[in-house]
Amino acid sequence: MRERYPLEHKLHLILDGAGYHRSELVRDAAFVLNIELHYLPPYSPNLNPIERLWKVMNEYSRNNVYFKTKREFREAIENFGILTLPEIADSLTSRINDNFQVLKPASSS
């Protein structure tokens, strides 16, 4: 990102709560690069669209399937990305979107 945007402009990066995103190494690098890190709240997959894609992938590739080997498992995941995903991509818009509700401030009466 820094190659595209000058260092004097602060960048804001939104991350999930994975341990490696919260590591001291990441925080230190972000500080040096003038990047402010923002973390999604825990247990909030509705705020992270990739989580919704993982759910769809599981429905098509993993749910109720027994894989005898790691290779079979990996192939099922790869086939989802190569074969299934292009076929269902148009239908994903309704499942992987940002459905946020705008709330009006409460009146003080």
PDB file of N, CA and C in Angstrom:
ATOM      1  N   MET A   1       0.823  -1.183   0.000  1.00  0.00           N
ATOM      2  CA  MET A   1       0.000   0.000   0.000  1.00  0.00           C
ATOM      3  C   MET A   1       0.872   1.254   0.000  1.00  0.00           C
ATOM      4  N   ARG A   2       1.983   1.164   0.698  1.00  0.00           N
ATOM      5  CA  ARG A   2       2.846   2.336   0.787  1.00  0.00           C
ATOM      6  C   ARG A   2       3.479   2.680  -0.549  1.00  0.00           C
ATOM      7  N   GLU A   3       3.620   1.748  -1.446  1.00  0.00           N
ATOM      8  CA  GLU A   3       4.148   2.063  -2.772  1.00  0.00           C
ATOM      9  C   GLU A   3       3.172   2.951  -3.537  1.00  0.00           C
ATOM     10  N   ARG A   4       1.904   2.822  -3.224  1.00  0.00           N
ATOM     11  CA  ARG A   4       0.883   3.582  -3.948  1.00  0.00           C
ATOM     12  C   ARG A   4       0.554   4.916  -3.269  1.00  0.00           C
ATOM     13  N   TYR A   5       0.641   4.948  -1.941  1.00  0.00           N
ATOM     14  CA  TYR A   5       0.285   6.155  -1.193  1.00  0.00           C
ATOM     15  C   TYR A   5       1.496   6.644  -0.406  1.00  0.00           C
ATOM     16  N   PRO A   6       1.797   7.942  -0.470  1.00  0.00           N
ATOM     17  CA  PRO A   6       2.972   8.487   0.226  1.00  0.00           C
ATOM     18  C   PRO A   6       2.896   8.283   1.741  1.00  0.00           C
ATOM     19  N   LEU A   7       4.049   8.187   2.356  1.00  0.00           N
ATOM     20  CA  LEU A   7       4.151   7.929   3.788  1.00  0.00           C
ATOM     21  C   LEU A   7       3.489   9.013   4.628  1.00  0.00           C
ATOM     22  N   GLU A   8       3.463  10.245   4.134  1.00  0.00           N
ATOM     23  CA  GLU A   8       2.887  11.328   4.945  1.00  0.00           C
ATOM     24  C   GLU A   8       1.366  11.220   5.078  1.00  0.00           C
ATOM     25  N   HIS A   9       0.732  10.385   4.278  1.00  0.00           N
ATOM     26  CA  HIS A   9      -0.712  10.157   4.400  1.00  0.00           C
ATOM     27  C   HIS A   9      -0.951   8.936   5.279  1.00  0.00           C
ATOM     28  N   LYS A  10      -1.703   9.130   6.344  1.00  0.00           N
ATOM     29  CA  LYS A  10      -2.020   8.000   7.215  1.00  0.00           C
ATOM     30  C   LYS A  10      -2.992   7.080   6.495  1.00  0.00           C
ATOM     31  N   LEU A  11      -2.702   5.796   6.547  1.00  0.00           N
ATOM     32  CA  LEU A  11      -3.603   4.790   6.000  1.00  0.00           C
ATOM     33  C   LEU A  11      -4.331   4.119   7.151  1.00  0.00           C
ATOM     34  N   HIS A  12      -5.544   3.695   6.895  1.00  0.00           N
ATOM     35  CA  HIS A  12      -6.340   2.969   7.876  1.00  0.00           C
ATOM     36  C   HIS A  12      -6.585   1.577   7.322  1.00  0.00           C
ATOM     37  N   LEU A  13      -6.257   0.578   8.108  1.00  0.00           N
ATOM     38  CA  LEU A  13      -6.378  -0.807   7.685  1.00  0.00           C
ATOM     39  C   LEU A  13      -7.294  -1.539   8.655  1.00  0.00           C
ATOM     40  N   ILE A  14      -8.311  -2.198   8.117  1.00  0.00           N
ATOM     41  CA  ILE A  14      -9.266  -2.945   8.933  1.00  0.00           C
ATOM     42  C   ILE A  14      -8.895  -4.419   8.871  1.00  0.00           C
ATOM     43  N   LEU A  15      -8.744  -5.021  10.050  1.00  0.00           N
ATOM     44  CA  LEU A  15      -8.304  -6.412  10.159  1.00  0.00           C
ATOM     45  C   LEU A  15      -9.248  -7.196  11.057  1.00  0.00           C
ATOM     46  N   ASP A  16      -9.266  -8.511  10.872  1.00  0.00           N
ATOM     47  CA  ASP A  16      -9.990  -9.333  11.833  1.00  0.00           C
ATOM     48  C   ASP A  16      -9.073  -9.573  13.032  1.00  0.00           C
ATOM     49  N   GLY A  17      -9.546 -10.321  13.983  1.00  0.00           N
ATOM     50  CA  GLY A  17      -8.808 -10.475  15.228  1.00  0.00           C
ATOM     51  C   GLY A  17      -7.793 -11.598  15.246  1.00  0.00           C
ATOM     52  N   ALA A  18      -7.378 -12.094  14.096  1.00  0.00           N
ATOM     53  CA  ALA A  18      -6.386 -13.175  14.069  1.00  0.00           C
ATOM     54  C   ALA A  18      -5.138 -12.757  14.844  1.00  0.00           C
ATOM     55  N   GLY A  19      -4.568 -13.698  15.555  1.00  0.00           N
ATOM     56  CA  GLY A  19      -3.408 -13.410  16.387  1.00  0.00           C
ATOM     57  C   GLY A  19      -2.265 -12.766  15.637  1.00  0.00           C
ATOM     58  N   TYR A  20      -2.015 -13.216  14.425  1.00  0.00           N
ATOM     59  CA  TYR A  20      -0.904 -12.637  13.658  1.00  0.00           C
ATOM     60  C   TYR A  20      -1.203 -11.204  13.243  1.00  0.00           C
ATOM     61  N   HIS A  21      -2.471 -10.801  13.161  1.00  0.00           N
ATOM     62  CA  HIS A  21      -2.796  -9.402  12.867  1.00  0.00           C
ATOM     63  C   HIS A  21      -2.536  -8.511  14.079  1.00  0.00           C
ATOM     64  N   ARG A  22      -2.578  -9.094  15.262  1.00  0.00           N
ATOM     65  CA  ARG A  22      -2.395  -8.331  16.495  1.00  0.00           C
ATOM     66  C   ARG A  22      -0.970  -8.437  17.042  1.00  0.00           C
ATOM     67  N   SER A  23      -0.101  -9.085  16.313  1.00  0.00           N
ATOM     68  CA  SER A  23       1.263  -9.311  16.808  1.00  0.00           C
ATOM     69  C   SER A  23       2.030  -7.996  16.927  1.00  0.00           C
ATOM     70  N   GLU A  24       3.028  -8.022  17.769  1.00  0.00           N
ATOM     71  CA  GLU A  24       3.878  -6.847  17.963  1.00  0.00           C
ATOM     72  C   GLU A  24       4.589  -6.477  16.664  1.00  0.00           C
ATOM     73  N   LEU A  25       4.985  -7.473  15.895  1.00  0.00           N
ATOM     74  CA  LEU A  25       5.647  -7.236  14.614  1.00  0.00           C
ATOM     75  C   LEU A  25       4.746  -6.425  13.681  1.00  0.00           C
ATOM     76  N   VAL A  26       3.481  -6.804  13.591  1.00  0.00           N
ATOM     77  CA  VAL A  26       2.533  -6.090  12.726  1.00  0.00           C
ATOM     78  C   VAL A  26       2.289  -4.684  13.259  1.00  0.00           C
ATOM     79  N   ARG A  27       2.086  -4.561  14.558  1.00  0.00           N
ATOM     80  CA  ARG A  27       1.834  -3.230  15.146  1.00  0.00           C
ATOM     81  C   ARG A  27       3.029  -2.306  14.945  1.00  0.00           C
ATOM     82  N   ASP A  28       4.237  -2.828  15.144  1.00  0.00           N
ATOM     83  CA  ASP A  28       5.440  -2.011  14.956  1.00  0.00           C
ATOM     84  C   ASP A  28       5.592  -1.578  13.499  1.00  0.00           C
ATOM     85  N   ALA A  29       5.375  -2.500  12.575  1.00  0.00           N
ATOM     86  CA  ALA A  29       5.486  -2.165  11.148  1.00  0.00           C
ATOM     87  C   ALA A  29       4.439  -1.126  10.770  1.00  0.00           C
ATOM     88  N   ALA A  30       3.233  -1.273  11.288  1.00  0.00           N
ATOM     89  CA  ALA A  30       2.173  -0.310  10.993  1.00  0.00           C
ATOM     90  C   ALA A  30       2.554   1.076  11.512  1.00  0.00           C
ATOM     91  N   PHE A  31       3.132   1.132  12.693  1.00  0.00           N
ATOM     92  CA  PHE A  31       3.546   2.413  13.259  1.00  0.00           C
ATOM     93  C   PHE A  31       4.590   3.081  12.370  1.00  0.00           C
ATOM     94  N   VAL A  32       5.598   2.334  11.985  1.00  0.00           N
ATOM     95  CA  VAL A  32       6.677   2.869  11.143  1.00  0.00           C
ATOM     96  C   VAL A  32       6.133   3.346   9.803  1.00  0.00           C
ATOM     97  N   LEU A  33       5.153   2.626   9.267  1.00  0.00           N
ATOM     98  CA  LEU A  33       4.598   2.949   7.948  1.00  0.00           C
ATOM     99  C   LEU A  33       3.409   3.911   8.010  1.00  0.00           C
ATOM    100  N   ASN A  34       3.133   4.457   9.205  1.00  0.00           N
ATOM    101  CA  ASN A  34       2.034   5.406   9.386  1.00  0.00           C
ATOM    102  C   ASN A  34       0.690   4.794   8.963  1.00  0.00           C
ATOM    103  N   ILE A  35       0.472   3.574   9.432  1.00  0.00           N
ATOM    104  CA  ILE A  35      -0.781   2.872   9.169  1.00  0.00           C
ATOM    105  C   ILE A  35      -1.487   2.673  10.502  1.00  0.00           C
ATOM    106  N   GLU A  36      -2.728   3.119  10.577  1.00  0.00           N
ATOM    107  CA  GLU A  36      -3.515   2.903  11.784  1.00  0.00           C
ATOM    108  C   GLU A  36      -4.333   1.632  11.607  1.00  0.00           C
ATOM    109  N   LEU A  37      -4.191   0.741  12.572  1.00  0.00           N
ATOM    110  CA  LEU A  37      -4.883  -0.544  12.511  1.00  0.00           C
ATOM    111  C   LEU A  37      -6.210  -0.455  13.255  1.00  0.00           C
ATOM    112  N   HIS A  38      -7.244  -0.996  12.635  1.00  0.00           N
ATOM    113  CA  HIS A  38      -8.573  -1.071  13.243  1.00  0.00           C
ATOM    114  C   HIS A  38      -8.997  -2.534  13.211  1.00  0.00           C
ATOM    115  N   TYR A  39      -9.480  -3.028  14.330  1.00  0.00           N
ATOM    116  CA  TYR A  39      -9.834  -4.440  14.421  1.00  0.00           C
ATOM    117  C   TYR A  39     -11.344  -4.616  14.492  1.00  0.00           C
ATOM    118  N   LEU A  40     -11.833  -5.587  13.733  1.00  0.00           N
ATOM    119  CA  LEU A  40     -13.240  -5.935  13.811  1.00  0.00           C
ATOM    120  C   LEU A  40     -13.507  -6.542  15.182  1.00  0.00           C
ATOM    121  N   PRO A  41     -14.720  -6.368  15.698  1.00  0.00           N
ATOM    122  CA  PRO A  41     -15.029  -6.988  16.990  1.00  0.00           C
ATOM    123  C   PRO A  41     -14.999  -8.517  16.871  1.00  0.00           C
ATOM    124  N   PRO A  42     -14.689  -9.200  17.971  1.00  0.00           N
ATOM    125  CA  PRO A  42     -14.690 -10.666  17.913  1.00  0.00           C
ATOM    126  C   PRO A  42     -16.097 -11.199  17.648  1.00  0.00           C
ATOM    127  N   TYR A  43     -16.163 -12.346  17.033  1.00  0.00           N
ATOM    128  CA  TYR A  43     -17.429 -13.029  16.745  1.00  0.00           C
ATOM    129  C   TYR A  43     -18.385 -12.150  15.956  1.00  0.00           C
ATOM    130  N   SER A  44     -17.885 -11.498  14.931  1.00  0.00           N
ATOM    131  CA  SER A  44     -18.737 -10.649  14.089  1.00  0.00           C
ATOM    132  C   SER A  44     -18.489 -10.939  12.610  1.00  0.00           C
ATOM    133  N   PRO A  45     -18.762 -12.165  12.174  1.00  0.00           N
ATOM    134  CA  PRO A  45     -18.515 -12.498  10.768  1.00  0.00           C
ATOM    135  C   PRO A  45     -19.360 -11.674   9.808  1.00  0.00           C
ATOM    136  N   ASN A  46     -20.461 -11.109  10.316  1.00  0.00           N
ATOM    137  CA  ASN A  46     -21.308 -10.267   9.459  1.00  0.00           C
ATOM    138  C   ASN A  46     -20.577  -9.008   9.001  1.00  0.00           C
ATOM    139  N   LEU A  47     -19.514  -8.626   9.685  1.00  0.00           N
ATOM    140  CA  LEU A  47     -18.749  -7.445   9.296  1.00  0.00           C
ATOM    141  C   LEU A  47     -17.586  -7.781   8.368  1.00  0.00           C
ATOM    142  N   ASN A  48     -17.348  -9.056   8.151  1.00  0.00           N
ATOM    143  CA  ASN A  48     -16.198  -9.488   7.362  1.00  0.00           C
ATOM    144  C   ASN A  48     -16.684 -10.337   6.186  1.00  0.00           C
ATOM    145  N   PRO A  49     -16.809  -9.740   5.004  1.00  0.00           N
ATOM    146  CA  PRO A  49     -17.378 -10.468   3.859  1.00  0.00           C
ATOM    147  C   PRO A  49     -16.673 -11.777   3.515  1.00  0.00           C
ATOM    148  N   ILE A  50     -15.382 -11.896   3.791  1.00  0.00           N
ATOM    149  CA  ILE A  50     -14.694 -13.144   3.457  1.00  0.00           C
ATOM    150  C   ILE A  50     -15.252 -14.294   4.272  1.00  0.00           C
ATOM    151  N   GLU A  51     -15.734 -14.013   5.482  1.00  0.00           N
ATOM    152  CA  GLU A  51     -16.332 -15.063   6.303  1.00  0.00           C
ATOM    153  C   GLU A  51     -17.583 -15.622   5.629  1.00  0.00           C
ATOM    154  N   ARG A  52     -18.322 -14.760   4.962  1.00  0.00           N
ATOM    155  CA  ARG A  52     -19.517 -15.222   4.248  1.00  0.00           C
ATOM    156  C   ARG A  52     -19.131 -16.089   3.056  1.00  0.00           C
ATOM    157  N   LEU A  53     -18.034 -15.733   2.398  1.00  0.00           N
ATOM    158  CA  LEU A  53     -17.567 -16.571   1.292  1.00  0.00           C
ATOM    159  C   LEU A  53     -17.120 -17.933   1.811  1.00  0.00           C
ATOM    160  N   TRP A  54     -16.432 -17.970   2.963  1.00  0.00           N
ATOM    161  CA  TRP A  54     -16.025 -19.262   3.534  1.00  0.00           C
ATOM    162  C   TRP A  54     -17.254 -20.112   3.823  1.00  0.00           C
ATOM    163  N   LYS A  55     -18.326 -19.478   4.294  1.00  0.00           N
ATOM    164  CA  LYS A  55     -19.558 -20.226   4.587  1.00  0.00           C
ATOM    165  C   LYS A  55     -20.105 -20.868   3.314  1.00  0.00           C
ATOM    166  N   VAL A  56     -20.137 -20.115   2.227  1.00  0.00           N
ATOM    167  CA  VAL A  56     -20.623 -20.648   0.951  1.00  0.00           C
ATOM    168  C   VAL A  56     -19.712 -21.783   0.487  1.00  0.00           C
ATOM    169  N   MET A  57     -18.407 -21.588   0.602  1.00  0.00           N
ATOM    170  CA  MET A  57     -17.470 -22.636   0.200  1.00  0.00           C
ATOM    171  C   MET A  57     -17.716 -23.908   1.000  1.00  0.00           C
ATOM    172  N   ASN A  58     -17.930 -23.767   2.296  1.00  0.00           N
ATOM    173  CA  ASN A  58     -18.199 -24.944   3.123  1.00  0.00           C
ATOM    174  C   ASN A  58     -19.473 -25.649   2.685  1.00  0.00           C
ATOM    175  N   GLU A  59     -20.498 -24.884   2.359  1.00  0.00           N
ATOM    176  CA  GLU A  59     -21.758 -25.485   1.918  1.00  0.00           C
ATOM    177  C   GLU A  59     -21.556 -26.325   0.664  1.00  0.00           C
ATOM    178  N   TYR A  60     -20.751 -25.836  -0.252  1.00  0.00           N
ATOM    179  CA  TYR A  60     -20.547 -26.533  -1.524  1.00  0.00           C
ATOM    180  C   TYR A  60     -19.482 -27.621  -1.454  1.00  0.00           C
ATOM    181  N   SER A  61     -18.514 -27.474  -0.569  1.00  0.00           N
ATOM    182  CA  SER A  61     -17.347 -28.356  -0.621  1.00  0.00           C
ATOM    183  C   SER A  61     -17.155 -29.260   0.585  1.00  0.00           C
ATOM    184  N   ARG A  62     -17.545 -28.821   1.766  1.00  0.00           N
ATOM    185  CA  ARG A  62     -17.153 -29.537   2.973  1.00  0.00           C
ATOM    186  C   ARG A  62     -18.286 -30.126   3.774  1.00  0.00           C
ATOM    187  N   ASN A  63     -19.419 -29.427   3.838  1.00  0.00           N
ATOM    188  CA  ASN A  63     -20.481 -29.869   4.735  1.00  0.00           C
ATOM    189  C   ASN A  63     -20.903 -31.304   4.437  1.00  0.00           C
ATOM    190  N   ASN A  64     -20.946 -32.110   5.484  1.00  0.00           N
ATOM    191  CA  ASN A  64     -21.392 -33.506   5.413  1.00  0.00           C
ATOM    192  C   ASN A  64     -20.563 -34.350   4.448  1.00  0.00           C
ATOM    193  N   VAL A  65     -19.296 -34.036   4.329  1.00  0.00           N
ATOM    194  CA  VAL A  65     -18.401 -34.795   3.455  1.00  0.00           C
ATOM    195  C   VAL A  65     -17.234 -35.311   4.298  1.00  0.00           C
ATOM    196  N   TYR A  66     -16.931 -36.573   4.126  1.00  0.00           N
ATOM    197  CA  TYR A  66     -15.769 -37.158   4.794  1.00  0.00           C
ATOM    198  C   TYR A  66     -14.644 -37.264   3.776  1.00  0.00           C
ATOM    199  N   PHE A  67     -13.509 -36.713   4.109  1.00  0.00           N
ATOM    200  CA  PHE A  67     -12.341 -36.783   3.240  1.00  0.00           C
ATOM    201  C   PHE A  67     -11.359 -37.777   3.841  1.00  0.00           C
ATOM    202  N   LYS A  68     -10.981 -38.770   3.060  1.00  0.00           N
ATOM    203  CA  LYS A  68     -10.058 -39.794   3.554  1.00  0.00           C
ATOM    204  C   LYS A  68      -8.641 -39.255   3.707  1.00  0.00           C
ATOM    205  N   THR A  69      -8.295 -38.288   2.880  1.00  0.00           N
ATOM    206  CA  THR A  69      -6.922 -37.767   2.917  1.00  0.00           C
ATOM    207  C   THR A  69      -6.934 -36.241   2.872  1.00  0.00           C
ATOM    208  N   LYS A  70      -5.814 -35.664   3.274  1.00  0.00           N
ATOM    209  CA  LYS A  70      -5.656 -34.209   3.168  1.00  0.00           C
ATOM    210  C   LYS A  70      -5.726 -33.780   1.711  1.00  0.00           C
ATOM    211  N   ARG A  71      -5.203 -34.624   0.854  1.00  0.00           N
ATOM    212  CA  ARG A  71      -5.206 -34.304  -0.577  1.00  0.00           C
ATOM    213  C   ARG A  71      -6.635 -34.179  -1.109  1.00  0.00           C
ATOM    214  N   GLU A  72      -7.522 -35.099  -0.724  1.00  0.00           N
ATOM    215  CA  GLU A  72      -8.926 -35.018  -1.150  1.00  0.00           C
ATOM    216  C   GLU A  72      -9.560 -33.721  -0.652  1.00  0.00           C
ATOM    217  N   PHE A  73      -9.254 -33.385   0.596  1.00  0.00           N
ATOM    218  CA  PHE A  73      -9.792 -32.152   1.171  1.00  0.00           C
ATOM    219  C   PHE A  73      -9.298 -30.941   0.382  1.00  0.00           C
ATOM    220  N   ARG A  74      -7.995 -30.877   0.146  1.00  0.00           N
ATOM    221  CA  ARG A  74      -7.416 -29.759  -0.596  1.00  0.00           C
ATOM    222  C   ARG A  74      -8.006 -29.667  -1.999  1.00  0.00           C
ATOM    223  N   GLU A  75      -8.187 -30.796  -2.661  1.00  0.00           N
ATOM    224  CA  GLU A  75      -8.754 -30.803  -4.012  1.00  0.00           C
ATOM    225  C   GLU A  75     -10.191 -30.294  -4.014  1.00  0.00           C
ATOM    226  N   ALA A  76     -10.953 -30.644  -2.988  1.00  0.00           N
ATOM    227  CA  ALA A  76     -12.333 -30.158  -2.906  1.00  0.00           C
ATOM    228  C   ALA A  76     -12.358 -28.639  -2.784  1.00  0.00           C
ATOM    229  N   ILE A  77     -11.468 -28.096  -1.971  1.00  0.00           N
ATOM    230  CA  ILE A  77     -11.400 -26.643  -1.798  1.00  0.00           C
ATOM    231  C   ILE A  77     -10.922 -25.983  -3.092  1.00  0.00           C
ATOM    232  N   GLU A  78      -9.902 -26.539  -3.708  1.00  0.00           N
ATOM    233  CA  GLU A  78      -9.399 -25.981  -4.968  1.00  0.00           C
ATOM    234  C   GLU A  78     -10.461 -26.042  -6.060  1.00  0.00           C
ATOM    235  N   ASN A  79     -11.189 -27.146  -6.143  1.00  0.00           N
ATOM    236  CA  ASN A  79     -12.243 -27.280  -7.152  1.00  0.00           C
ATOM    237  C   ASN A  79     -13.361 -26.270  -6.935  1.00  0.00           C
ATOM    238  N   PHE A  80     -13.629 -25.950  -5.678  1.00  0.00           N
ATOM    239  CA  PHE A  80     -14.629 -24.913  -5.426  1.00  0.00           C
ATOM    240  C   PHE A  80     -14.183 -23.614  -6.084  1.00  0.00           C
ATOM    241  N   GLY A  81     -12.941 -23.232  -5.869  1.00  0.00           N
ATOM    242  CA  GLY A  81     -12.434 -21.982  -6.435  1.00  0.00           C
ATOM    243  C   GLY A  81     -12.329 -21.990  -7.944  1.00  0.00           C
ATOM    244  N   ILE A  82     -11.956 -23.125  -8.507  1.00  0.00           N
ATOM    245  CA  ILE A  82     -11.729 -23.204  -9.952  1.00  0.00           C
ATOM    246  C   ILE A  82     -13.010 -23.484 -10.732  1.00  0.00           C
ATOM    247  N   LEU A  83     -13.837 -24.406 -10.230  1.00  0.00           N
ATOM    248  CA  LEU A  83     -15.008 -24.857 -10.985  1.00  0.00           C
ATOM    249  C   LEU A  83     -16.319 -24.249 -10.498  1.00  0.00           C
ATOM    250  N   THR A  84     -16.572 -24.353  -9.209  1.00  0.00           N
ATOM    251  CA  THR A  84     -17.878 -23.956  -8.673  1.00  0.00           C
ATOM    252  C   THR A  84     -18.034 -22.451  -8.575  1.00  0.00           C
ATOM    253  N   LEU A  85     -17.054 -21.784  -8.024  1.00  0.00           N
ATOM    254  CA  LEU A  85     -17.164 -20.344  -7.795  1.00  0.00           C
ATOM    255  C   LEU A  85     -17.514 -19.560  -9.055  1.00  0.00           C
ATOM    256  N   PRO A  86     -16.862 -19.806 -10.190  1.00  0.00           N
ATOM    257  CA  PRO A  86     -17.248 -19.067 -11.397  1.00  0.00           C
ATOM    258  C   PRO A  86     -18.705 -19.310 -11.809  1.00  0.00           C
ATOM    259  N   GLU A  87     -19.215 -20.512 -11.538  1.00  0.00           N
ATOM    260  CA  GLU A  87     -20.595 -20.831 -11.908  1.00  0.00           C
ATOM    261  C   GLU A  87     -21.614 -20.128 -11.020  1.00  0.00           C
ATOM    262  N   ILE A  88     -21.273 -19.918  -9.758  1.00  0.00           N
ATOM    263  CA  ILE A  88     -22.238 -19.343  -8.814  1.00  0.00           C
ATOM    264  C   ILE A  88     -21.947 -17.887  -8.473  1.00  0.00           C
ATOM    265  N   ALA A  89     -20.936 -17.303  -9.075  1.00  0.00           N
ATOM    266  CA  ALA A  89     -20.491 -15.951  -8.709  1.00  0.00           C
ATOM    267  C   ALA A  89     -21.622 -14.933  -8.739  1.00  0.00           C
ATOM    268  N   ASP A  90     -22.450 -14.954  -9.766  1.00  0.00           N
ATOM    269  CA  ASP A  90     -23.527 -13.966  -9.861  1.00  0.00           C
ATOM    270  C   ASP A  90     -24.522 -14.087  -8.718  1.00  0.00           C
ATOM    271  N   SER A  91     -24.741 -15.284  -8.225  1.00  0.00           N
ATOM    272  CA  SER A  91     -25.716 -15.478  -7.148  1.00  0.00           C
ATOM    273  C   SER A  91     -25.160 -15.093  -5.782  1.00  0.00           C
ATOM    274  N   LEU A  92     -23.869 -14.848  -5.694  1.00  0.00           N
ATOM    275  CA  LEU A  92     -23.260 -14.543  -4.399  1.00  0.00           C
ATOM    276  C   LEU A  92     -23.510 -13.121  -3.932  1.00  0.00           C
ATOM    277  N   THR A  93     -23.868 -12.242  -4.831  1.00  0.00           N
ATOM    278  CA  THR A  93     -24.059 -10.841  -4.458  1.00  0.00           C
ATOM    279  C   THR A  93     -25.038 -10.700  -3.304  1.00  0.00           C
ATOM    280  N   SER A  94     -26.105 -11.465  -3.324  1.00  0.00           N
ATOM    281  CA  SER A  94     -27.106 -11.350  -2.266  1.00  0.00           C
ATOM    282  C   SER A  94     -26.628 -11.974  -0.958  1.00  0.00           C
ATOM    283  N   ARG A  95     -25.624 -12.827  -1.018  1.00  0.00           N
ATOM    284  CA  ARG A  95     -25.139 -13.493   0.189  1.00  0.00           C
ATOM    285  C   ARG A  95     -23.890 -12.846   0.764  1.00  0.00           C
ATOM    286  N   ILE A  96     -23.126 -12.194  -0.078  1.00  0.00           N
ATOM    287  CA  ILE A  96     -21.879 -11.568   0.378  1.00  0.00           C
ATOM    288  C   ILE A  96     -21.975 -10.081   0.068  1.00  0.00           C
ATOM    289  N   ASN A  97     -22.731  -9.397   0.867  1.00  0.00           N
ATOM    290  CA  ASN A  97     -22.880  -7.958   0.689  1.00  0.00           C
ATOM    291  C   ASN A  97     -22.921  -7.303   2.059  1.00  0.00           C
ATOM    292  N   ASP A  98     -22.981  -6.029   2.057  1.00  0.00           N
ATOM    293  CA  ASP A  98     -22.999  -5.285   3.312  1.00  0.00           C
ATOM    294  C   ASP A  98     -24.422  -4.847   3.607  1.00  0.00           C
ATOM    295  N   ASN A  99     -25.068  -5.563   4.487  1.00  0.00           N
ATOM    296  CA  ASN A  99     -26.433  -5.235   4.883  1.00  0.00           C
ATOM    297  C   ASN A  99     -26.401  -4.532   6.234  1.00  0.00           C
ATOM    298  N   PHE A 100     -26.182  -3.247   6.199  1.00  0.00           N
ATOM    299  CA  PHE A 100     -26.148  -2.482   7.428  1.00  0.00           C
ATOM    300  C   PHE A 100     -27.390  -1.617   7.513  1.00  0.00           C
ATOM    301  N   GLN A 101     -27.824  -1.396   8.704  1.00  0.00           N
ATOM    302  CA  GLN A 101     -29.009  -0.597   8.934  1.00  0.00           C
ATOM    303  C   GLN A 101     -28.575   0.734   9.540  1.00  0.00           C
ATOM    304  N   VAL A 102     -29.094   1.821   8.989  1.00  0.00           N
ATOM    305  CA  VAL A 102     -28.799   3.145   9.517  1.00  0.00           C
ATOM    306  C   VAL A 102     -29.857   3.471  10.559  1.00  0.00           C
ATOM    307  N   LEU A 103     -29.417   3.785  11.757  1.00  0.00           N
ATOM    308  CA  LEU A 103     -30.340   4.084  12.847  1.00  0.00           C
ATOM    309  C   LEU A 103     -30.396   5.582  13.085  1.00  0.00           C
ATOM    310  N   LYS A 104     -31.585   6.063  13.374  1.00  0.00           N
ATOM    311  CA  LYS A 104     -31.753   7.472  13.725  1.00  0.00           C
ATOM    312  C   LYS A 104     -31.499   7.629  15.217  1.00  0.00           C
ATOM    313  N   PRO A 105     -30.938   8.768  15.614  1.00  0.00           N
ATOM    314  CA  PRO A 105     -30.732   8.997  17.048  1.00  0.00           C
ATOM    315  C   PRO A 105     -32.071   8.984  17.786  1.00  0.00           C
ATOM    316  N   ALA A 106     -32.054   8.477  18.994  1.00  0.00           N
ATOM    317  CA  ALA A 106     -33.273   8.442  19.803  1.00  0.00           C
ATOM    318  C   ALA A 106     -33.647   9.859  20.203  1.00  0.00           C
ATOM    319  N   SER A 107     -34.930  10.124  20.180  1.00  0.00           N
ATOM    320  CA  SER A 107     -35.386  11.456  20.607  1.00  0.00           C
ATOM    321  C   SER A 107     -35.387  11.508  22.128  1.00  0.00           C
ATOM    322  N   SER A 108     -35.075  12.666  22.659  1.00  0.00           N
ATOM    323  CA  SER A 108     -35.043  12.815  24.117  1.00  0.00           C
ATOM    324  C   SER A 108     -36.322  13.500  24.570  1.00  0.00           C
ATOM    325  N   SER A 109     -37.347  12.690  24.847  1.00  0.00           N
ATOM    326  CA  SER A 109     -38.608  13.277  25.319  1.00  0.00           C
ATOM    327  C   SER A 109     -38.984  12.760  26.668  1.00  0.00           C
TER     328      SER A 109
END
